[in-house]
Amino acid sequence: MSGGVVLGVVRQVHLWSGLVVGAFIALIGLSGAFLEFYPQIDAASHPVLRSAESEHRLSPYEAFYVAVRRARPDRPMGWRFEIPDRVGAIQARSLSAADIAGPQFAPVILWLDPKSAQVLREDVWGQYPGTWIYDLHYHLLLGGTGALVVGVLGIVVLIMLGTGLLLWWPVSKAAWRTAFALRGGHDPIRRLYDWHKLVGIVGVVFLAMITATGAALDLPDQTGSMLGAIWGPGATSEPLHSVRDERMPRISLDAAVAAGDSRFPRGTLKWIYTPENAQGVYVLKYRLPHEVAGRFPNSTVWIDQYTGRVLGARDARYDPPAAAIVDWLFPLHTGEVMKLPGRILWVGFGFLPVILWVTGLWRWLLRRSRRSPRPAGRASALSS
């Protein structure tokens, strides 16, 4: 097969993959840009949450648990409390089996005042804009099937980026001097090509990284199997249970946190999971110094709910290679690996798929219109 034929095949693959899935990719890119700051946007749109900000968190952690149990006695025992870096409303999620039995993930969410532990707001995941867009971005509102679809779309995007890079690649030293130039002049087709080319080349590395990590997050089983085959097993732990003693009550969240802090004294507490039943354990998530994950760290302490004994601990900084790679996926995908500047930069990258799709589609439509034969009557009129 000659080089020209190969290049023609590559061009067709690039063109038709973009035409078929470009709109979906643009939608995923835009929703991803929004999600970089969706908790902050959501909080800003609810004045009651802004008014809850305080320099000091006065209520003990146990007070938050008592408050959610009193507000929603119909919910299971297990609640997940997110501890914000900047003191503000405490978010608590209640996740039951019924919340994940249907096509959509739908826990109840409460926001509590950090000083009084009063419930300020209640909502359900997926029923307010920020989380609806999250579901749209993650699985196109189609549940587990949608996650598979988005993961496959990610693979298609990687093919598009690869074929686009191959089509652009200069074949000589002279060509390199004009490879980044905008030379469209007055020809709209050429101008659109130059902008499409330049946007793609400038963003190709970052788009490939964001796309690859997103596909891996949407295809966790396949990703885990592949990494395990290359680097061995990831992080594993035996199921842990509290030893129930009828003579001993459950320890408070504050006592559990004290036990967790003794294991990771330099860590920042990010999440508290309360026991789901009488045999359940406290699960505390910490962000440790030099750990790459921010909002969702992987360092964990498991604590017996009756004795306060530390049953196990995971320091994510010492994870095996396969688990360490998985730990990096989310921070790379969201840009938080580079802190706030990275997240701001990633917002910009979220608009690149839209630009690539619009310029590519527009150019293709213009080329088709030029190739289409003119109506006979109009052609006669123009030639007369």
Protein backbone atom coordinates (compact mmCIF):
# COMPACT_ATOMS: atom_id res chain seq x y z
CA MET A 1 0.00 0.00 0.00
CA SER A 2 1.51 3.33 -1.07
CA GLY A 3 2.04 6.27 1.25
CA GLY A 4 -0.65 8.27 -0.53
CA VAL A 5 -3.22 5.55 -0.02
CA VAL A 6 -2.30 5.26 3.67
CA LEU A 7 -2.56 9.01 4.10
CA GLY A 8 -5.95 8.96 2.39
CA VAL A 9 -7.20 6.30 4.78
CA VAL A 10 -5.88 8.28 7.75
CA ARG A 11 -7.63 11.40 6.44
CA GLN A 12 -10.95 9.57 6.10
CA VAL A 13 -10.66 8.08 9.60
CA HIS A 14 -9.96 11.52 11.04
CA LEU A 15 -12.76 13.17 9.08
CA TRP A 16 -15.56 10.70 9.73
CA SER A 17 -14.72 10.04 13.37
CA GLY A 18 -14.90 13.80 13.93
CA LEU A 19 -18.17 14.16 12.05
CA VAL A 20 -19.81 11.23 13.82
CA VAL A 21 -18.78 11.86 17.44
CA GLY A 22 -17.56 15.47 17.36
CA ALA A 23 -20.74 16.92 18.86
CA PHE A 24 -20.62 14.48 21.79
CA ILE A 25 -16.95 15.26 22.40
CA ALA A 26 -17.68 18.99 22.33
CA LEU A 27 -20.47 18.46 24.89
CA ILE A 28 -18.19 16.44 27.15
CA GLY A 29 -15.48 19.09 26.87
CA LEU A 30 -17.81 21.94 27.79
CA SER A 31 -19.31 20.04 30.72
CA GLY A 32 -15.81 19.19 31.92
CA ALA A 33 -14.84 22.87 31.86
CA PHE A 34 -17.86 23.67 34.04
CA LEU A 35 -17.06 20.86 36.49
CA GLU A 36 -13.64 22.27 37.33
CA PHE A 37 -15.37 24.67 39.73
CA TYR A 38 -18.87 23.27 40.05
CA PRO A 39 -18.86 23.03 43.90
CA GLN A 40 -17.85 26.69 44.10
CA ILE A 41 -20.45 27.69 41.48
CA ASP A 42 -23.13 25.74 43.33
CA ALA A 43 -22.22 27.31 46.67
CA ALA A 44 -22.19 30.80 45.14
CA SER A 45 -25.71 30.24 43.78
CA HIS A 46 -27.06 29.49 47.28
CA PRO A 47 -26.72 32.50 49.62
CA VAL A 48 -27.56 30.34 52.64
CA LEU A 49 -24.31 28.42 52.10
CA ARG A 50 -22.25 31.59 51.71
CA SER A 51 -23.62 32.88 54.99
CA ALA A 52 -22.38 29.73 56.73
CA GLU A 53 -18.71 30.55 56.19
CA SER A 54 -16.80 31.03 59.40
CA GLU A 55 -13.19 31.31 60.51
CA HIS A 56 -13.75 28.66 63.16
CA ARG A 57 -15.65 25.38 63.12
CA LEU A 58 -17.31 25.42 66.54
CA SER A 59 -19.40 22.26 66.41
CA PRO A 60 -17.82 18.88 67.12
CA TYR A 61 -17.99 16.36 64.29
CA GLU A 62 -20.45 14.23 66.26
CA ALA A 63 -22.93 17.11 66.20
CA PHE A 64 -23.09 16.91 62.41
CA TYR A 65 -23.89 13.22 62.55
CA VAL A 66 -26.59 13.76 65.16
CA ALA A 67 -28.06 16.54 62.99
CA VAL A 68 -28.32 14.45 59.81
CA ARG A 69 -29.74 11.45 61.66
CA ARG A 70 -32.35 13.71 63.23
CA ALA A 71 -33.16 15.40 59.90
CA ARG A 72 -33.41 12.15 57.94
CA PRO A 73 -34.18 9.25 60.32
CA ASP A 74 -35.41 7.28 57.29
CA ARG A 75 -31.90 7.08 55.84
CA PRO A 76 -29.33 4.32 56.62
CA MET A 77 -26.67 4.74 59.31
CA GLY A 78 -23.88 5.35 56.85
CA TRP A 79 -23.17 9.00 55.97
CA ARG A 80 -20.19 10.57 54.19
CA PHE A 81 -19.05 13.97 55.45
CA GLU A 82 -16.80 16.13 53.28
CA ILE A 83 -14.54 18.43 55.29
CA PRO A 84 -13.75 21.54 53.18
CA ASP A 85 -10.31 23.13 53.10
CA ARG A 86 -11.81 26.58 53.54
CA VAL A 87 -14.19 26.52 56.45
CA GLY A 88 -17.75 26.60 55.18
CA ALA A 89 -20.84 24.43 55.03
CA ILE A 90 -20.25 20.75 55.78
CA GLN A 91 -21.64 18.48 53.07
CA ALA A 92 -23.07 15.10 54.09
CA ARG A 93 -24.12 12.34 51.67
CA SER A 94 -26.38 9.42 52.47
CA LEU A 95 -25.93 6.51 50.09
CA SER A 96 -28.20 3.49 50.29
CA ALA A 97 -28.42 0.42 48.08
CA ALA A 98 -31.54 1.91 46.46
CA ASP A 99 -29.55 5.02 45.46
CA ILE A 100 -27.37 2.98 43.13
CA ALA A 101 -29.86 0.29 42.11
CA GLY A 102 -31.30 2.32 39.24
CA PRO A 103 -29.55 3.80 36.24
CA GLN A 104 -28.50 6.93 38.12
CA PHE A 105 -26.37 7.49 41.21
CA ALA A 106 -28.69 9.46 43.52
CA PRO A 107 -27.66 9.94 47.17
CA VAL A 108 -29.39 12.45 49.42
CA ILE A 109 -27.14 15.42 50.22
CA LEU A 110 -27.40 17.76 53.19
CA TRP A 111 -25.41 20.93 53.87
CA LEU A 112 -24.84 21.90 57.50
CA ASP A 113 -23.77 25.09 59.24
CA PRO A 114 -20.23 24.59 60.60
CA LYS A 115 -21.03 26.47 63.81
CA SER A 116 -24.51 25.26 64.77
CA ALA A 117 -24.68 21.98 62.77
CA GLN A 118 -28.09 23.20 61.55
CA VAL A 119 -29.23 21.75 58.22
CA LEU A 120 -29.12 24.60 55.69
CA ARG A 121 -30.09 22.78 52.51
CA GLU A 122 -31.18 19.38 51.26
CA ASP A 123 -31.01 18.04 47.72
CA VAL A 124 -30.53 14.84 45.72
CA TRP A 125 -27.55 14.14 43.49
CA GLY A 126 -28.49 14.60 39.84
CA GLN A 127 -31.47 16.83 40.61
CA TYR A 128 -29.61 20.15 40.74
CA PRO A 129 -27.53 21.65 37.92
CA GLY A 130 -23.99 20.92 39.10
CA THR A 131 -24.52 17.21 39.65
CA TRP A 132 -26.76 16.87 36.57
CA ILE A 133 -23.88 18.20 34.47
CA TYR A 134 -21.52 15.84 36.32
CA ASP A 135 -23.69 12.88 35.29
CA LEU A 136 -23.86 14.22 31.74
CA HIS A 137 -20.08 14.49 31.56
CA TYR A 138 -19.37 11.16 33.20
CA HIS A 139 -21.93 8.91 31.49
CA LEU A 140 -24.26 11.03 29.31
CA LEU A 141 -27.10 10.45 31.82
CA LEU A 142 -27.16 6.76 30.85
CA GLY A 143 -25.74 5.17 34.02
CA GLY A 144 -23.25 2.34 33.72
CA THR A 145 -23.92 1.90 30.01
CA GLY A 146 -23.18 5.58 29.49
CA ALA A 147 -19.86 5.27 31.30
CA LEU A 148 -18.89 2.54 28.85
CA VAL A 149 -19.99 4.72 25.92
CA VAL A 150 -17.99 7.72 27.16
CA GLY A 151 -14.95 5.50 27.72
CA VAL A 152 -15.16 4.23 24.13
CA LEU A 153 -15.63 7.81 22.90
CA GLY A 154 -12.40 8.66 24.70
CA ILE A 155 -10.60 5.98 22.71
CA VAL A 156 -12.09 7.40 19.48
CA VAL A 157 -10.82 10.86 20.46
CA LEU A 158 -7.32 9.48 20.96
CA ILE A 159 -7.52 8.03 17.44
CA MET A 160 -8.70 11.41 16.12
CA LEU A 161 -5.82 13.19 17.83
CA GLY A 162 -3.32 10.67 16.52
CA THR A 163 -4.57 10.84 12.94
CA GLY A 164 -4.75 14.64 13.08
CA LEU A 165 -1.17 14.82 14.29
CA LEU A 166 -0.08 12.47 11.51
CA LEU A 167 -1.86 14.53 8.85
CA TRP A 168 -0.24 17.73 10.14
CA TRP A 169 3.28 16.41 10.64
CA PRO A 170 5.75 18.34 8.40
CA VAL A 171 7.72 16.14 6.03
CA SER A 172 10.68 18.49 5.53
CA LYS A 173 12.71 21.12 7.36
CA ALA A 174 11.21 23.81 5.19
CA ALA A 175 7.72 22.65 6.11
CA TRP A 176 8.49 23.01 9.82
CA ARG A 177 9.01 26.76 9.33
CA THR A 178 5.40 27.20 8.22
CA ALA A 179 3.83 24.41 10.26
CA PHE A 180 2.41 26.83 12.85
CA ALA A 181 1.57 29.66 10.47
CA LEU A 182 -1.86 31.06 9.67
CA ARG A 183 -1.81 31.47 5.91
CA GLY A 184 -5.48 31.35 4.98
CA GLY A 185 -5.68 34.76 3.35
CA HIS A 186 -9.13 35.38 1.91
CA ASP A 187 -9.96 31.71 1.42
CA PRO A 188 -12.34 30.67 4.26
CA ILE A 189 -11.62 26.96 3.75
CA ARG A 190 -7.89 27.55 4.16
CA ARG A 191 -8.41 29.83 7.17
CA LEU A 192 -10.59 27.25 8.87
CA TYR A 193 -7.97 24.58 8.19
CA ASP A 194 -5.21 26.73 9.68
CA TRP A 195 -7.20 27.47 12.82
CA HIS A 196 -8.24 23.83 13.16
CA LYS A 197 -4.63 22.76 12.72
CA LEU A 198 -3.18 25.35 15.14
CA VAL A 199 -5.72 24.70 17.91
CA GLY A 200 -5.18 20.96 17.58
CA ILE A 201 -1.39 21.17 17.70
CA VAL A 202 -1.31 23.58 20.63
CA GLY A 203 -3.63 21.38 22.70
CA VAL A 204 -2.83 17.87 21.46
CA VAL A 205 -0.65 16.77 24.39
CA PHE A 206 -3.03 18.05 27.07
CA LEU A 207 -6.13 16.85 25.24
CA ALA A 208 -4.58 13.40 24.88
CA MET A 209 -3.78 13.28 28.61
CA ILE A 210 -7.22 14.53 29.66
CA THR A 211 -8.92 12.12 27.26
CA ALA A 212 -6.83 9.09 28.22
CA THR A 213 -7.33 9.63 31.95
CA GLY A 214 -11.06 10.25 31.44
CA ALA A 215 -11.44 7.03 29.45
CA ALA A 216 -9.53 5.13 32.15
CA LEU A 217 -11.83 6.54 34.85
CA ASP A 218 -14.90 5.53 32.83
CA LEU A 219 -13.51 2.03 32.26
CA PRO A 220 -12.14 1.14 35.73
CA ASP A 221 -12.34 -2.64 35.36
CA GLN A 222 -10.56 -2.65 32.01
CA THR A 223 -7.99 -0.15 33.29
CA GLY A 224 -7.33 -2.19 36.42
CA SER A 225 -6.91 -5.40 34.43
CA MET A 226 -4.49 -3.75 32.01
CA LEU A 227 -2.40 -2.15 34.74
CA GLY A 228 -2.43 -5.36 36.76
CA ALA A 229 -1.16 -7.32 33.79
CA ILE A 230 1.73 -4.88 33.35
CA TRP A 231 2.67 -3.86 36.89
CA GLY A 232 1.03 -6.44 39.11
CA PRO A 233 -1.89 -6.02 41.54
CA GLY A 234 -3.00 -2.65 42.82
CA ALA A 235 -3.91 -1.64 46.35
CA THR A 236 -5.87 -4.35 48.14
CA SER A 237 -7.27 -4.69 51.63
CA GLU A 238 -9.26 -7.30 53.48
CA PRO A 239 -12.83 -6.37 54.49
CA LEU A 240 -12.68 -4.90 57.98
CA HIS A 241 -15.38 -5.18 60.62
CA SER A 242 -15.98 -3.84 64.09
CA VAL A 243 -16.24 -6.44 66.86
CA ARG A 244 -19.61 -5.70 68.37
CA ASP A 245 -19.77 -5.56 72.14
CA GLU A 246 -23.23 -5.02 73.61
CA ARG A 247 -21.66 -3.36 76.64
CA MET A 248 -19.92 -0.68 74.57
CA PRO A 249 -21.63 2.13 72.66
CA ARG A 250 -20.40 3.52 69.37
CA ILE A 251 -17.58 6.01 69.83
CA SER A 252 -18.18 9.55 68.61
CA LEU A 253 -16.95 10.88 65.30
CA ASP A 254 -14.55 13.09 67.24
CA ALA A 255 -13.02 10.08 68.97
CA ALA A 256 -12.65 8.33 65.62
CA VAL A 257 -10.98 11.42 64.14
CA ALA A 258 -8.60 11.57 67.11
CA ALA A 259 -7.61 7.97 66.43
CA GLY A 260 -7.13 8.72 62.72
CA ASP A 261 -5.09 11.83 63.44
CA SER A 262 -2.76 9.75 65.61
CA ARG A 263 -2.04 7.57 62.57
CA PHE A 264 -1.59 10.47 60.13
CA PRO A 265 -0.70 13.48 62.32
CA ARG A 266 0.50 15.51 59.31
CA GLY A 267 -2.51 14.68 57.16
CA THR A 268 -5.49 16.88 56.33
CA LEU A 269 -8.82 15.20 57.02
CA LYS A 270 -11.03 15.33 53.91
CA TRP A 271 -13.79 12.72 54.38
CA ILE A 272 -15.46 10.87 57.25
CA TYR A 273 -17.51 7.74 56.49
CA THR A 274 -19.67 6.59 59.39
CA PRO A 275 -20.38 2.87 59.96
CA GLU A 276 -23.10 1.47 57.71
CA ASN A 277 -24.31 -1.11 60.26
CA ALA A 278 -23.47 -2.65 63.64
CA GLN A 279 -20.39 -4.38 62.17
CA GLY A 280 -19.26 -1.41 60.10
CA VAL A 281 -16.20 0.74 60.70
CA TYR A 282 -15.28 4.39 60.53
CA VAL A 283 -13.40 5.23 57.34
CA LEU A 284 -11.35 8.43 57.33
CA LYS A 285 -9.75 9.85 54.18
CA TYR A 286 -6.64 12.03 54.58
CA ARG A 287 -4.61 14.09 52.17
CA LEU A 288 -0.99 13.62 53.14
CA PRO A 289 1.93 15.95 52.34
CA HIS A 290 3.15 15.42 48.75
CA GLU A 291 0.11 13.26 47.92
CA VAL A 292 -1.10 14.18 44.46
CA ALA A 293 -4.86 13.80 45.02
CA GLY A 294 -6.64 16.84 46.42
CA ARG A 295 -10.36 16.64 47.02
CA PHE A 296 -10.48 12.83 46.83
CA PRO A 297 -7.29 11.53 48.48
CA ASN A 298 -6.57 7.85 48.83
CA SER A 299 -4.77 7.65 52.18
CA THR A 300 -7.22 5.95 54.52
CA VAL A 301 -7.64 4.87 58.14
CA TRP A 302 -10.16 2.21 59.24
CA ILE A 303 -11.31 2.41 62.88
CA ASP A 304 -13.39 0.06 65.04
CA GLN A 305 -16.60 1.90 65.92
CA TYR A 306 -16.68 0.55 69.48
CA THR A 307 -13.10 0.46 70.70
CA GLY A 308 -11.57 3.22 68.56
CA ARG A 309 -8.77 0.86 67.60
CA VAL A 310 -7.10 1.46 64.25
CA LEU A 311 -7.84 -1.67 62.22
CA GLY A 312 -5.84 -0.70 59.16
CA ALA A 313 -4.27 2.17 57.31
CA ARG A 314 -3.24 2.94 53.74
CA ASP A 315 -0.57 5.52 52.95
CA ALA A 316 -1.16 6.27 49.27
CA ARG A 317 2.37 7.60 48.90
CA TYR A 318 3.61 4.02 49.12
CA ASP A 319 1.03 2.38 46.87
CA PRO A 320 2.24 -0.30 44.43
CA PRO A 321 2.79 0.92 40.84
CA ALA A 322 -0.64 -0.06 39.46
CA ALA A 323 -2.46 1.64 42.35
CA ALA A 324 -0.20 4.70 42.14
CA ILE A 325 -1.12 5.15 38.47
CA VAL A 326 -4.83 4.92 39.34
CA ASP A 327 -4.26 7.49 42.12
CA TRP A 328 -2.93 9.92 39.50
CA LEU A 329 -5.82 9.54 37.03
CA PHE A 330 -8.32 11.90 38.64
CA PRO A 331 -5.82 14.69 39.53
CA LEU A 332 -4.45 14.59 35.98
CA HIS A 333 -7.92 14.55 34.45
CA THR A 334 -9.09 17.57 36.46
CA GLY A 335 -5.81 19.50 36.45
CA GLU A 336 -5.64 19.64 40.24
CA VAL A 337 -2.18 18.08 39.98
CA MET A 338 -1.10 21.68 39.24
CA LYS A 339 -3.33 23.19 41.95
CA LEU A 340 -5.49 26.20 41.07
CA PRO A 341 -3.50 27.28 37.96
CA GLY A 342 -3.94 23.79 36.51
CA ARG A 343 -7.68 23.81 37.06
CA ILE A 344 -7.99 27.23 35.42
CA LEU A 345 -5.92 26.01 32.47
CA TRP A 346 -8.09 22.90 32.18
CA VAL A 347 -11.18 25.11 31.85
CA GLY A 348 -9.62 26.53 28.69
CA PHE A 349 -8.82 23.08 27.36
CA GLY A 350 -12.47 22.15 27.82
CA PHE A 351 -13.36 24.59 25.02
CA LEU A 352 -10.83 23.18 22.54
CA PRO A 353 -13.03 20.24 21.41
CA VAL A 354 -15.78 22.73 20.58
CA ILE A 355 -13.41 24.83 18.46
CA LEU A 356 -12.01 21.75 16.71
CA TRP A 357 -15.47 20.38 15.97
CA VAL A 358 -16.87 23.70 14.69
CA THR A 359 -13.88 24.51 12.48
CA GLY A 360 -13.70 20.95 11.12
CA LEU A 361 -17.42 20.71 10.42
CA TRP A 362 -17.60 24.20 8.92
CA ARG A 363 -14.68 23.49 6.60
CA TRP A 364 -16.21 20.19 5.50
CA LEU A 365 -19.54 21.87 4.70
CA LEU A 366 -17.82 24.61 2.69
CA ARG A 367 -15.85 22.06 0.69
CA ARG A 368 -19.04 20.10 -0.04
CA SER A 369 -20.83 23.24 -1.21
CA ARG A 370 -17.99 24.05 -3.61
CA ARG A 371 -18.04 20.56 -5.05
CA SER A 372 -21.83 20.46 -5.51
CA PRO A 373 -22.97 21.12 -9.11
CA ARG A 374 -24.92 24.35 -9.59
CA PRO A 375 -28.55 24.16 -10.71
CA ALA A 376 -28.84 24.39 -14.50
CA GLY A 377 -30.99 27.54 -14.45
CA ARG A 378 -28.61 29.38 -12.15
CA ALA A 379 -25.61 28.29 -14.22
CA SER A 380 -27.23 29.64 -17.42
CA ALA A 381 -28.04 32.93 -15.76
CA LEU A 382 -24.49 33.36 -14.52
CA SER A 383 -23.01 32.59 -17.92
CA SER A 384 -25.26 34.95 -19.86
